[in-house]
All heavy atoms as atom14 arrays in JSON, in Angstrom:
{
  "sequence": "YQDGGLLAGHADNHNVPGIEVATGSLGHGLSIGVGMALAGKHDQKNYR",
  "atom14_mask": [
    [1, 1, 1, 1, 1, 1, 1, 1, 1, 1, 1, 1, 0, 0],
    [1, 1, 1, 1, 1, 1, 1, 1, 1, 0, 0, 0, 0, 0],
    [1, 1, 1, 1, 1, 1, 1, 1, 0, 0, 0, 0, 0, 0],
    [1, 1, 1, 1, 0, 0, 0, 0, 0, 0, 0, 0, 0, 0],
    [1, 1, 1, 1, 0, 0, 0, 0, 0, 0, 0, 0, 0, 0],
    [1, 1, 1, 1, 1, 1, 1, 1, 0, 0, 0, 0, 0, 0],
    [1, 1, 1, 1, 1, 1, 1, 1, 0, 0, 0, 0, 0, 0],
    [1, 1, 1, 1, 1, 0, 0, 0, 0, 0, 0, 0, 0, 0],
    [1, 1, 1, 1, 0, 0, 0, 0, 0, 0, 0, 0, 0, 0],
    [1, 1, 1, 1, 1, 1, 1, 1, 1, 1, 0, 0, 0, 0],
    [1, 1, 1, 1, 1, 0, 0, 0, 0, 0, 0, 0, 0, 0],
    [1, 1, 1, 1, 1, 1, 1, 1, 0, 0, 0, 0, 0, 0],
    [1, 1, 1, 1, 1, 1, 1, 1, 0, 0, 0, 0, 0, 0],
    [1, 1, 1, 1, 1, 1, 1, 1, 1, 1, 0, 0, 0, 0],
    [1, 1, 1, 1, 1, 1, 1, 1, 0, 0, 0, 0, 0, 0],
    [1, 1, 1, 1, 1, 1, 1, 0, 0, 0, 0, 0, 0, 0],
    [1, 1, 1, 1, 1, 1, 1, 0, 0, 0, 0, 0, 0, 0],
    [1, 1, 1, 1, 0, 0, 0, 0, 0, 0, 0, 0, 0, 0],
    [1, 1, 1, 1, 1, 1, 1, 1, 0, 0, 0, 0, 0, 0],
    [1, 1, 1, 1, 1, 1, 1, 1, 1, 0, 0, 0, 0, 0],
    [1, 1, 1, 1, 1, 1, 1, 0, 0, 0, 0, 0, 0, 0],
    [1, 1, 1, 1, 1, 0, 0, 0, 0, 0, 0, 0, 0, 0],
    [1, 1, 1, 1, 1, 1, 1, 0, 0, 0, 0, 0, 0, 0],
    [1, 1, 1, 1, 0, 0, 0, 0, 0, 0, 0, 0, 0, 0],
    [1, 1, 1, 1, 1, 1, 0, 0, 0, 0, 0, 0, 0, 0],
    [1, 1, 1, 1, 1, 1, 1, 1, 0, 0, 0, 0, 0, 0],
    [1, 1, 1, 1, 0, 0, 0, 0, 0, 0, 0, 0, 0, 0],
    [1, 1, 1, 1, 1, 1, 1, 1, 1, 1, 0, 0, 0, 0],
    [1, 1, 1, 1, 0, 0, 0, 0, 0, 0, 0, 0, 0, 0],
    [1, 1, 1, 1, 1, 1, 1, 1, 0, 0, 0, 0, 0, 0],
    [1, 1, 1, 1, 1, 1, 0, 0, 0, 0, 0, 0, 0, 0],
    [1, 1, 1, 1, 1, 1, 1, 1, 0, 0, 0, 0, 0, 0],
    [1, 1, 1, 1, 0, 0, 0, 0, 0, 0, 0, 0, 0, 0],
    [1, 1, 1, 1, 1, 1, 1, 0, 0, 0, 0, 0, 0, 0],
    [1, 1, 1, 1, 0, 0, 0, 0, 0, 0, 0, 0, 0, 0],
    [1, 1, 1, 1, 1, 1, 1, 1, 0, 0, 0, 0, 0, 0],
    [1, 1, 1, 1, 1, 0, 0, 0, 0, 0, 0, 0, 0, 0],
    [1, 1, 1, 1, 1, 1, 1, 1, 0, 0, 0, 0, 0, 0],
    [1, 1, 1, 1, 1, 0, 0, 0, 0, 0, 0, 0, 0, 0],
    [1, 1, 1, 1, 0, 0, 0, 0, 0, 0, 0, 0, 0, 0],
    [1, 1, 1, 1, 1, 1, 1, 1, 1, 0, 0, 0, 0, 0],
    [1, 1, 1, 1, 1, 1, 1, 1, 1, 1, 0, 0, 0, 0],
    [1, 1, 1, 1, 1, 1, 1, 1, 0, 0, 0, 0, 0, 0],
    [1, 1, 1, 1, 1, 1, 1, 1, 1, 0, 0, 0, 0, 0],
    [1, 1, 1, 1, 1, 1, 1, 1, 1, 0, 0, 0, 0, 0],
    [1, 1, 1, 1, 1, 1, 1, 1, 0, 0, 0, 0, 0, 0],
    [1, 1, 1, 1, 1, 1, 1, 1, 1, 1, 1, 1, 0, 0],
    [1, 1, 1, 1, 1, 1, 1, 1, 1, 1, 1, 0, 0, 0]
  ],
  "atom14_positions": [
    [[-7.73, 16.17, -1.55], [-8.11, 16.49, -2.94], [-7.93, 17.96, -3.28], [-8.6, 18.5, -4.15], [-9.54, 16.04, -3.13], [-9.89, 15.49, -4.53], [-9.1, 14.5, -5.08], [-10.96, 15.99, -5.23], [-9.38, 14.01, -6.34], [-11.27, 15.47, -6.49], [-10.47, 14.5, -7.03], [-10.76, 14.01, -8.28], [0.0, 0.0, 0.0], [0.0, 0.0, 0.0]],
    [[-7.01, 18.6, -2.54], [-6.72, 20.02, -2.84], [-5.34, 20.14, -3.53], [-4.46, 19.34, -3.27], [-6.69, 20.81, -1.52], [-7.95, 20.66, -0.72], [-9.16, 21.3, -1.37], [-9.06, 22.29, -2.09], [-10.34, 20.68, -1.16], [0.0, 0.0, 0.0], [0.0, 0.0, 0.0], [0.0, 0.0, 0.0], [0.0, 0.0, 0.0], [0.0, 0.0, 0.0]],
    [[-5.18, 21.11, -4.4], [-3.91, 21.32, -5.05], [-2.85, 21.53, -4.0], [-2.97, 22.38, -3.09], [-3.99, 22.57, -5.96], [-4.78, 22.3, -7.21], [-5.0, 21.14, -7.55], [-5.16, 23.33, -7.88], [0.0, 0.0, 0.0], [0.0, 0.0, 0.0], [0.0, 0.0, 0.0], [0.0, 0.0, 0.0], [0.0, 0.0, 0.0], [0.0, 0.0, 0.0]],
    [[-1.75, 20.76, -4.09], [-0.67, 20.9, -3.15], [-0.89, 20.18, -1.84], [-0.02, 20.19, -0.98], [0.0, 0.0, 0.0], [0.0, 0.0, 0.0], [0.0, 0.0, 0.0], [0.0, 0.0, 0.0], [0.0, 0.0, 0.0], [0.0, 0.0, 0.0], [0.0, 0.0, 0.0], [0.0, 0.0, 0.0], [0.0, 0.0, 0.0], [0.0, 0.0, 0.0]],
    [[-2.07, 19.57, -1.68], [-2.37, 18.86, -0.43], [-1.67, 17.51, -0.34], [-1.24, 16.95, -1.36], [0.0, 0.0, 0.0], [0.0, 0.0, 0.0], [0.0, 0.0, 0.0], [0.0, 0.0, 0.0], [0.0, 0.0, 0.0], [0.0, 0.0, 0.0], [0.0, 0.0, 0.0], [0.0, 0.0, 0.0], [0.0, 0.0, 0.0], [0.0, 0.0, 0.0]],
    [[-1.6, 16.95, 0.86], [-0.93, 15.66, 1.07], [-1.81, 14.5, 0.69], [-1.37, 13.41, 0.32], [-0.52, 15.47, 2.51], [0.7, 16.27, 3.0], [0.91, 16.03, 4.48], [1.94, 15.83, 2.2], [0.0, 0.0, 0.0], [0.0, 0.0, 0.0], [0.0, 0.0, 0.0], [0.0, 0.0, 0.0], [0.0, 0.0, 0.0], [0.0, 0.0, 0.0]],
    [[-3.13, 14.67, 0.75], [-4.07, 13.52, 0.61], [-4.71, 13.55, -0.79], [-5.52, 14.38, -1.12], [-5.16, 13.62, 1.68], [-4.65, 13.66, 3.12], [-5.8, 13.67, 4.11], [-3.7, 12.52, 3.41], [0.0, 0.0, 0.0], [0.0, 0.0, 0.0], [0.0, 0.0, 0.0], [0.0, 0.0, 0.0], [0.0, 0.0, 0.0], [0.0, 0.0, 0.0]],
    [[-4.29, 12.58, -1.59], [-4.77, 12.49, -2.99], [-6.17, 11.87, -3.01], [-6.68, 11.34, -2.03], [-3.82, 11.61, -3.78], [0.0, 0.0, 0.0], [0.0, 0.0, 0.0], [0.0, 0.0, 0.0], [0.0, 0.0, 0.0], [0.0, 0.0, 0.0], [0.0, 0.0, 0.0], [0.0, 0.0, 0.0], [0.0, 0.0, 0.0], [0.0, 0.0, 0.0]],
    [[-6.8, 11.95, -4.18], [-8.17, 11.47, -4.33], [-8.3, 9.97, -4.33], [-9.41, 9.44, -4.24], [0.0, 0.0, 0.0], [0.0, 0.0, 0.0], [0.0, 0.0, 0.0], [0.0, 0.0, 0.0], [0.0, 0.0, 0.0], [0.0, 0.0, 0.0], [0.0, 0.0, 0.0], [0.0, 0.0, 0.0], [0.0, 0.0, 0.0], [0.0, 0.0, 0.0]],
    [[-7.21, 9.25, -4.51], [-7.14, 7.83, -4.26], [-6.01, 7.58, -3.28], [-5.07, 8.39, -3.19], [-6.9, 7.04, -5.56], [-8.08, 6.94, -6.48], [-8.64, 8.05, -7.05], [-8.88, 5.91, -6.8], [-9.74, 7.69, -7.79], [-9.85, 6.37, -7.67], [0.0, 0.0, 0.0], [0.0, 0.0, 0.0], [0.0, 0.0, 0.0], [0.0, 0.0, 0.0]],
    [[-6.08, 6.47, -2.56], [-5.11, 6.21, -1.47], [-3.69, 6.35, -1.97], [-3.31, 5.78, -2.98], [-5.32, 4.81, -0.89], [0.0, 0.0, 0.0], [0.0, 0.0, 0.0], [0.0, 0.0, 0.0], [0.0, 0.0, 0.0], [0.0, 0.0, 0.0], [0.0, 0.0, 0.0], [0.0, 0.0, 0.0], [0.0, 0.0, 0.0], [0.0, 0.0, 0.0]],
    [[-2.9, 7.18, -1.29], [-1.55, 7.5, -1.73], [-0.64, 7.48, -0.51], [-0.91, 8.04, 0.5], [-1.54, 8.91, -2.38], [-0.2, 9.3, -2.94], [0.73, 8.45, -2.94], [-0.07, 10.44, -3.42], [0.0, 0.0, 0.0], [0.0, 0.0, 0.0], [0.0, 0.0, 0.0], [0.0, 0.0, 0.0], [0.0, 0.0, 0.0], [0.0, 0.0, 0.0]],
    [[0.49, 6.71, -0.67], [1.41, 6.58, 0.48], [2.49, 7.68, 0.49], [3.37, 7.66, 1.37], [2.07, 5.23, 0.45], [2.89, 4.98, -0.83], [2.55, 5.51, -1.9], [3.91, 4.19, -0.74], [0.0, 0.0, 0.0], [0.0, 0.0, 0.0], [0.0, 0.0, 0.0], [0.0, 0.0, 0.0], [0.0, 0.0, 0.0], [0.0, 0.0, 0.0]],
    [[2.47, 8.63, -0.41], [3.48, 9.65, -0.44], [3.37, 10.57, 0.72], [2.43, 11.37, 0.84], [3.4, 10.45, -1.77], [4.49, 11.47, -1.93], [5.85, 11.12, -2.06], [4.42, 12.85, -1.93], [6.52, 12.28, -2.18], [5.73, 13.27, -2.09], [0.0, 0.0, 0.0], [0.0, 0.0, 0.0], [0.0, 0.0, 0.0], [0.0, 0.0, 0.0]],
    [[4.3, 10.48, 1.71], [4.35, 11.33, 2.91], [3.12, 11.2, 3.77], [2.79, 12.13, 4.5], [4.57, 12.8, 2.52], [5.95, 13.06, 1.92], [6.92, 12.41, 2.34], [6.05, 13.93, 0.98], [0.0, 0.0, 0.0], [0.0, 0.0, 0.0], [0.0, 0.0, 0.0], [0.0, 0.0, 0.0], [0.0, 0.0, 0.0], [0.0, 0.0, 0.0]],
    [[2.38, 10.06, 3.69], [1.2, 9.84, 4.52], [1.43, 8.62, 5.43], [1.35, 7.49, 4.91], [-0.09, 9.66, 3.65], [-1.3, 9.5, 4.53], [-0.24, 10.79, 2.66], [0.0, 0.0, 0.0], [0.0, 0.0, 0.0], [0.0, 0.0, 0.0], [0.0, 0.0, 0.0], [0.0, 0.0, 0.0], [0.0, 0.0, 0.0], [0.0, 0.0, 0.0]],
    [[1.72, 8.81, 6.66], [1.98, 7.69, 7.56], [0.79, 6.75, 7.62], [-0.39, 7.17, 7.69], [2.2, 8.37, 8.94], [2.58, 9.76, 8.64], [1.84, 10.13, 7.38], [0.0, 0.0, 0.0], [0.0, 0.0, 0.0], [0.0, 0.0, 0.0], [0.0, 0.0, 0.0], [0.0, 0.0, 0.0], [0.0, 0.0, 0.0], [0.0, 0.0, 0.0]],
    [[1.07, 5.45, 7.57], [0.01, 4.47, 7.7], [-0.5, 3.9, 6.35], [-1.15, 2.87, 6.36], [0.0, 0.0, 0.0], [0.0, 0.0, 0.0], [0.0, 0.0, 0.0], [0.0, 0.0, 0.0], [0.0, 0.0, 0.0], [0.0, 0.0, 0.0], [0.0, 0.0, 0.0], [0.0, 0.0, 0.0], [0.0, 0.0, 0.0], [0.0, 0.0, 0.0]],
    [[-0.21, 4.59, 5.25], [-0.6, 4.08, 3.96], [0.56, 3.28, 3.38], [1.69, 3.76, 3.25], [-0.9, 5.25, 2.97], [-2.03, 6.13, 3.53], [-1.38, 4.64, 1.61], [-3.38, 5.56, 3.54], [0.0, 0.0, 0.0], [0.0, 0.0, 0.0], [0.0, 0.0, 0.0], [0.0, 0.0, 0.0], [0.0, 0.0, 0.0], [0.0, 0.0, 0.0]],
    [[0.32, 2.02, 3.09], [1.4, 1.11, 2.64], [1.76, 1.39, 1.19], [2.95, 1.43, 0.82], [0.99, -0.35, 2.84], [0.85, -0.78, 4.25], [2.19, -0.9, 5.0], [3.21, -1.02, 4.33], [2.16, -0.88, 6.22], [0.0, 0.0, 0.0], [0.0, 0.0, 0.0], [0.0, 0.0, 0.0], [0.0, 0.0, 0.0], [0.0, 0.0, 0.0]],
    [[0.73, 1.45, 0.32], [0.99, 1.59, -1.15], [-0.13, 2.47, -1.71], [-1.21, 2.57, -1.15], [1.0, 0.23, -1.86], [2.18, -0.6, -1.44], [-0.31, -0.53, -1.64], [0.0, 0.0, 0.0], [0.0, 0.0, 0.0], [0.0, 0.0, 0.0], [0.0, 0.0, 0.0], [0.0, 0.0, 0.0], [0.0, 0.0, 0.0], [0.0, 0.0, 0.0]],
    [[0.15, 3.1, -2.84], [-0.86, 3.86, -3.57], [-1.76, 2.85, -4.29], [-1.29, 1.89, -4.9], [-0.21, 4.78, -4.61], [0.0, 0.0, 0.0], [0.0, 0.0, 0.0], [0.0, 0.0, 0.0], [0.0, 0.0, 0.0], [0.0, 0.0, 0.0], [0.0, 0.0, 0.0], [0.0, 0.0, 0.0], [0.0, 0.0, 0.0], [0.0, 0.0, 0.0]],
    [[-3.07, 3.05, -4.15], [-4.02, 2.12, -4.77], [-5.17, 2.89, -5.42], [-5.36, 4.08, -5.19], [-4.59, 1.18, -3.7], [-5.18, 1.93, -2.64], [-3.56, 0.26, -3.13], [0.0, 0.0, 0.0], [0.0, 0.0, 0.0], [0.0, 0.0, 0.0], [0.0, 0.0, 0.0], [0.0, 0.0, 0.0], [0.0, 0.0, 0.0], [0.0, 0.0, 0.0]],
    [[-5.95, 2.15, -6.13], [-7.12, 2.76, -6.8], [-7.23, 2.3, -8.25], [-8.26, 2.37, -8.83], [0.0, 0.0, 0.0], [0.0, 0.0, 0.0], [0.0, 0.0, 0.0], [0.0, 0.0, 0.0], [0.0, 0.0, 0.0], [0.0, 0.0, 0.0], [0.0, 0.0, 0.0], [0.0, 0.0, 0.0], [0.0, 0.0, 0.0], [0.0, 0.0, 0.0]],
    [[-6.1, 1.84, -8.8], [-6.16, 1.15, -10.07], [-6.6, -0.26, -9.76], [-5.8, -1.07, -9.3], [-4.78, 1.16, -10.77], [-4.85, 0.53, -12.03], [0.0, 0.0, 0.0], [0.0, 0.0, 0.0], [0.0, 0.0, 0.0], [0.0, 0.0, 0.0], [0.0, 0.0, 0.0], [0.0, 0.0, 0.0], [0.0, 0.0, 0.0], [0.0, 0.0, 0.0]],
    [[-7.9, -0.49, -9.94], [-8.52, -1.67, -9.32], [-7.94, -2.99, -9.84], [-7.55, -3.11, -11.0], [-10.03, -1.63, -9.59], [-10.71, -0.44, -8.92], [-12.23, -0.43, -9.23], [-10.49, -0.42, -7.4], [0.0, 0.0, 0.0], [0.0, 0.0, 0.0], [0.0, 0.0, 0.0], [0.0, 0.0, 0.0], [0.0, 0.0, 0.0], [0.0, 0.0, 0.0]],
    [[-7.91, -3.97, -8.9], [-7.44, -5.27, -9.27], [-5.99, -5.56, -8.92], [-5.45, -6.63, -9.18], [0.0, 0.0, 0.0], [0.0, 0.0, 0.0], [0.0, 0.0, 0.0], [0.0, 0.0, 0.0], [0.0, 0.0, 0.0], [0.0, 0.0, 0.0], [0.0, 0.0, 0.0], [0.0, 0.0, 0.0], [0.0, 0.0, 0.0], [0.0, 0.0, 0.0]],
    [[-5.32, -4.56, -8.35], [-3.86, -4.67, -8.09], [-3.55, -4.94, -6.62], [-2.51, -5.5, -6.32], [-3.12, -3.43, -8.55], [-3.16, -3.22, -9.99], [-2.7, -2.1, -10.61], [-3.62, -3.99, -11.02], [-2.86, -2.19, -11.92], [-3.44, -3.34, -12.17], [0.0, 0.0, 0.0], [0.0, 0.0, 0.0], [0.0, 0.0, 0.0], [0.0, 0.0, 0.0]],
    [[-4.41, -4.53, -5.69], [-4.1, -4.57, -4.29], [-3.83, -5.94, -3.77], [-2.93, -6.17, -2.95], [0.0, 0.0, 0.0], [0.0, 0.0, 0.0], [0.0, 0.0, 0.0], [0.0, 0.0, 0.0], [0.0, 0.0, 0.0], [0.0, 0.0, 0.0], [0.0, 0.0, 0.0], [0.0, 0.0, 0.0], [0.0, 0.0, 0.0], [0.0, 0.0, 0.0]],
    [[-4.62, -6.94, -4.2], [-4.41, -8.3, -3.7], [-3.11, -8.86, -4.2], [-2.44, -9.61, -3.48], [-5.6, -9.16, -4.12], [-5.59, -10.57, -3.5], [-5.45, -10.58, -1.97], [-6.84, -11.36, -3.88], [0.0, 0.0, 0.0], [0.0, 0.0, 0.0], [0.0, 0.0, 0.0], [0.0, 0.0, 0.0], [0.0, 0.0, 0.0], [0.0, 0.0, 0.0]],
    [[-2.73, -8.56, -5.42], [-1.44, -9.02, -5.9], [-0.26, -8.49, -5.06], [0.67, -9.23, -4.73], [-1.24, -8.62, -7.38], [-2.19, -9.27, -8.2], [0.0, 0.0, 0.0], [0.0, 0.0, 0.0], [0.0, 0.0, 0.0], [0.0, 0.0, 0.0], [0.0, 0.0, 0.0], [0.0, 0.0, 0.0], [0.0, 0.0, 0.0], [0.0, 0.0, 0.0]],
    [[-0.41, -7.21, -4.68], [0.63, -6.61, -3.83], [0.64, -7.31, -2.46], [1.69, -7.63, -1.9], [0.4, -5.13, -3.7], [0.51, -4.41, -5.04], [1.36, -4.48, -2.65], [0.04, -2.92, -5.0], [0.0, 0.0, 0.0], [0.0, 0.0, 0.0], [0.0, 0.0, 0.0], [0.0, 0.0, 0.0], [0.0, 0.0, 0.0], [0.0, 0.0, 0.0]],
    [[-0.57, -7.58, -1.93], [-0.68, -8.24, -0.66], [-0.1, -9.64, -0.7], [0.54, -10.08, 0.26], [0.0, 0.0, 0.0], [0.0, 0.0, 0.0], [0.0, 0.0, 0.0], [0.0, 0.0, 0.0], [0.0, 0.0, 0.0], [0.0, 0.0, 0.0], [0.0, 0.0, 0.0], [0.0, 0.0, 0.0], [0.0, 0.0, 0.0], [0.0, 0.0, 0.0]],
    [[-0.28, -10.34, -1.8], [0.3, -11.7, -1.97], [1.83, -11.56, -1.89], [2.49, -12.36, -1.2], [-0.15, -12.36, -3.3], [0.7, -13.55, -3.6], [-1.61, -12.75, -3.21], [0.0, 0.0, 0.0], [0.0, 0.0, 0.0], [0.0, 0.0, 0.0], [0.0, 0.0, 0.0], [0.0, 0.0, 0.0], [0.0, 0.0, 0.0], [0.0, 0.0, 0.0]],
    [[2.39, -10.6, -2.56], [3.82, -10.41, -2.55], [4.35, -10.1, -1.13], [5.38, -10.64, -0.7], [0.0, 0.0, 0.0], [0.0, 0.0, 0.0], [0.0, 0.0, 0.0], [0.0, 0.0, 0.0], [0.0, 0.0, 0.0], [0.0, 0.0, 0.0], [0.0, 0.0, 0.0], [0.0, 0.0, 0.0], [0.0, 0.0, 0.0], [0.0, 0.0, 0.0]],
    [[3.63, -9.24, -0.39], [4.04, -8.9, 0.97], [3.97, -10.14, 1.85], [4.84, -10.41, 2.68], [3.15, -7.82, 1.53], [3.38, -6.45, 0.94], [2.28, -5.23, 1.73], [2.85, -3.69, 0.97], [0.0, 0.0, 0.0], [0.0, 0.0, 0.0], [0.0, 0.0, 0.0], [0.0, 0.0, 0.0], [0.0, 0.0, 0.0], [0.0, 0.0, 0.0]],
    [[2.87, -10.91, 1.73], [2.69, -12.07, 2.53], [3.76, -13.16, 2.23], [4.29, -13.8, 3.13], [1.29, -12.69, 2.39], [0.0, 0.0, 0.0], [0.0, 0.0, 0.0], [0.0, 0.0, 0.0], [0.0, 0.0, 0.0], [0.0, 0.0, 0.0], [0.0, 0.0, 0.0], [0.0, 0.0, 0.0], [0.0, 0.0, 0.0], [0.0, 0.0, 0.0]],
    [[4.05, -13.32, 0.93], [5.05, -14.26, 0.52], [6.45, -13.89, 1.04], [7.22, -14.76, 1.53], [5.09, -14.4, -1.03], [5.98, -15.5, -1.62], [5.55, -16.86, -1.09], [5.88, -15.44, -3.14], [0.0, 0.0, 0.0], [0.0, 0.0, 0.0], [0.0, 0.0, 0.0], [0.0, 0.0, 0.0], [0.0, 0.0, 0.0], [0.0, 0.0, 0.0]],
    [[6.73, -12.57, 1.04], [7.97, -12.07, 1.56], [8.06, -12.35, 3.05], [9.13, -12.76, 3.58], [8.1, -10.61, 1.3], [0.0, 0.0, 0.0], [0.0, 0.0, 0.0], [0.0, 0.0, 0.0], [0.0, 0.0, 0.0], [0.0, 0.0, 0.0], [0.0, 0.0, 0.0], [0.0, 0.0, 0.0], [0.0, 0.0, 0.0], [0.0, 0.0, 0.0]],
    [[6.95, -12.17, 3.75], [6.94, -12.45, 5.21], [7.23, -13.91, 5.51], [8.0, -14.24, 6.43], [0.0, 0.0, 0.0], [0.0, 0.0, 0.0], [0.0, 0.0, 0.0], [0.0, 0.0, 0.0], [0.0, 0.0, 0.0], [0.0, 0.0, 0.0], [0.0, 0.0, 0.0], [0.0, 0.0, 0.0], [0.0, 0.0, 0.0], [0.0, 0.0, 0.0]],
    [[6.68, -14.82, 4.72], [6.96, -16.25, 4.87], [8.42, -16.54, 4.59], [9.08, -17.24, 5.35], [6.06, -17.06, 3.92], [4.58, -17.08, 4.27], [4.34, -17.99, 5.49], [2.87, -18.21, 5.68], [2.56, -19.08, 6.85], [0.0, 0.0, 0.0], [0.0, 0.0, 0.0], [0.0, 0.0, 0.0], [0.0, 0.0, 0.0], [0.0, 0.0, 0.0]],
    [[8.91, -15.95, 3.5], [10.32, -16.2, 3.1], [11.31, -15.72, 4.18], [12.3, -16.39, 4.47], [10.61, -15.5, 1.79], [11.97, -15.7, 1.28], [13.01, -14.82, 1.64], [12.52, -16.66, 0.46], [14.12, -15.27, 1.06], [13.87, -16.35, 0.34], [0.0, 0.0, 0.0], [0.0, 0.0, 0.0], [0.0, 0.0, 0.0], [0.0, 0.0, 0.0]],
    [[10.97, -14.53, 4.78], [11.86, -13.97, 5.74], [11.57, -14.41, 7.19], [12.21, -13.92, 8.16], [11.76, -12.42, 5.71], [12.27, -11.89, 4.35], [13.03, -12.56, 3.69], [11.86, -10.77, 4.04], [0.0, 0.0, 0.0], [0.0, 0.0, 0.0], [0.0, 0.0, 0.0], [0.0, 0.0, 0.0], [0.0, 0.0, 0.0], [0.0, 0.0, 0.0]],
    [[10.6, -15.32, 7.33], [10.22, -15.85, 8.6], [9.79, -14.76, 9.6], [10.16, -14.75, 10.76], [11.34, -16.73, 9.19], [11.69, -17.93, 8.35], [12.73, -18.79, 8.96], [13.65, -18.33, 9.62], [12.63, -20.12, 8.73], [0.0, 0.0, 0.0], [0.0, 0.0, 0.0], [0.0, 0.0, 0.0], [0.0, 0.0, 0.0], [0.0, 0.0, 0.0]],
    [[8.98, -13.83, 9.09], [8.43, -12.74, 9.89], [6.99, -13.15, 10.29], [6.33, -13.89, 9.61], [8.38, -11.46, 9.09], [9.73, -10.98, 8.58], [10.64, -10.55, 9.76], [11.91, -9.89, 9.24], [12.83, -9.48, 10.35], [0.0, 0.0, 0.0], [0.0, 0.0, 0.0], [0.0, 0.0, 0.0], [0.0, 0.0, 0.0], [0.0, 0.0, 0.0]],
    [[6.53, -12.57, 11.4], [5.2, -12.98, 11.91], [4.15, -11.94, 11.62], [3.07, -11.99, 12.16], [5.27, -13.31, 13.36], [5.55, -12.11, 14.23], [5.81, -11.02, 13.74], [5.53, -12.28, 15.54], [0.0, 0.0, 0.0], [0.0, 0.0, 0.0], [0.0, 0.0, 0.0], [0.0, 0.0, 0.0], [0.0, 0.0, 0.0], [0.0, 0.0, 0.0]],
    [[4.46, -10.92, 10.76], [3.41, -9.96, 10.45], [2.34, -10.58, 9.55], [2.55, -11.57, 8.87], [4.02, -8.71, 9.79], [4.63, -8.89, 8.43], [3.84, -9.05, 7.27], [6.02, -8.83, 8.24], [4.43, -9.2, 6.02], [6.62, -9.01, 7.03], [5.8, -9.16, 5.88], [6.37, -9.29, 4.65], [0.0, 0.0, 0.0], [0.0, 0.0, 0.0]],
    [[1.19, -9.92, 9.56], [0.06, -10.34, 8.74], [-0.28, -9.26, 7.73], [0.01, -8.08, 7.97], [-1.14, -10.6, 9.62], [-0.92, -11.67, 10.69], [-1.97, -11.67, 11.77], [-2.08, -10.38, 12.48], [-3.04, -10.1, 13.34], [-3.92, -11.01, 13.65], [-3.07, -8.93, 13.95], [0.0, 0.0, 0.0], [0.0, 0.0, 0.0], [0.0, 0.0, 0.0]]
  ]
}
């Protein structure tokens, strides 16, 4: 939460290893997760 810092005040994946997507606009994360899970099924991947 510092000017010019890597870590934003809400989860941010910009140059931060381990963060999948920027979140904090509430109600969106599960929709993104559904898309990721559906892609995994489509591509026959075993990730969760």
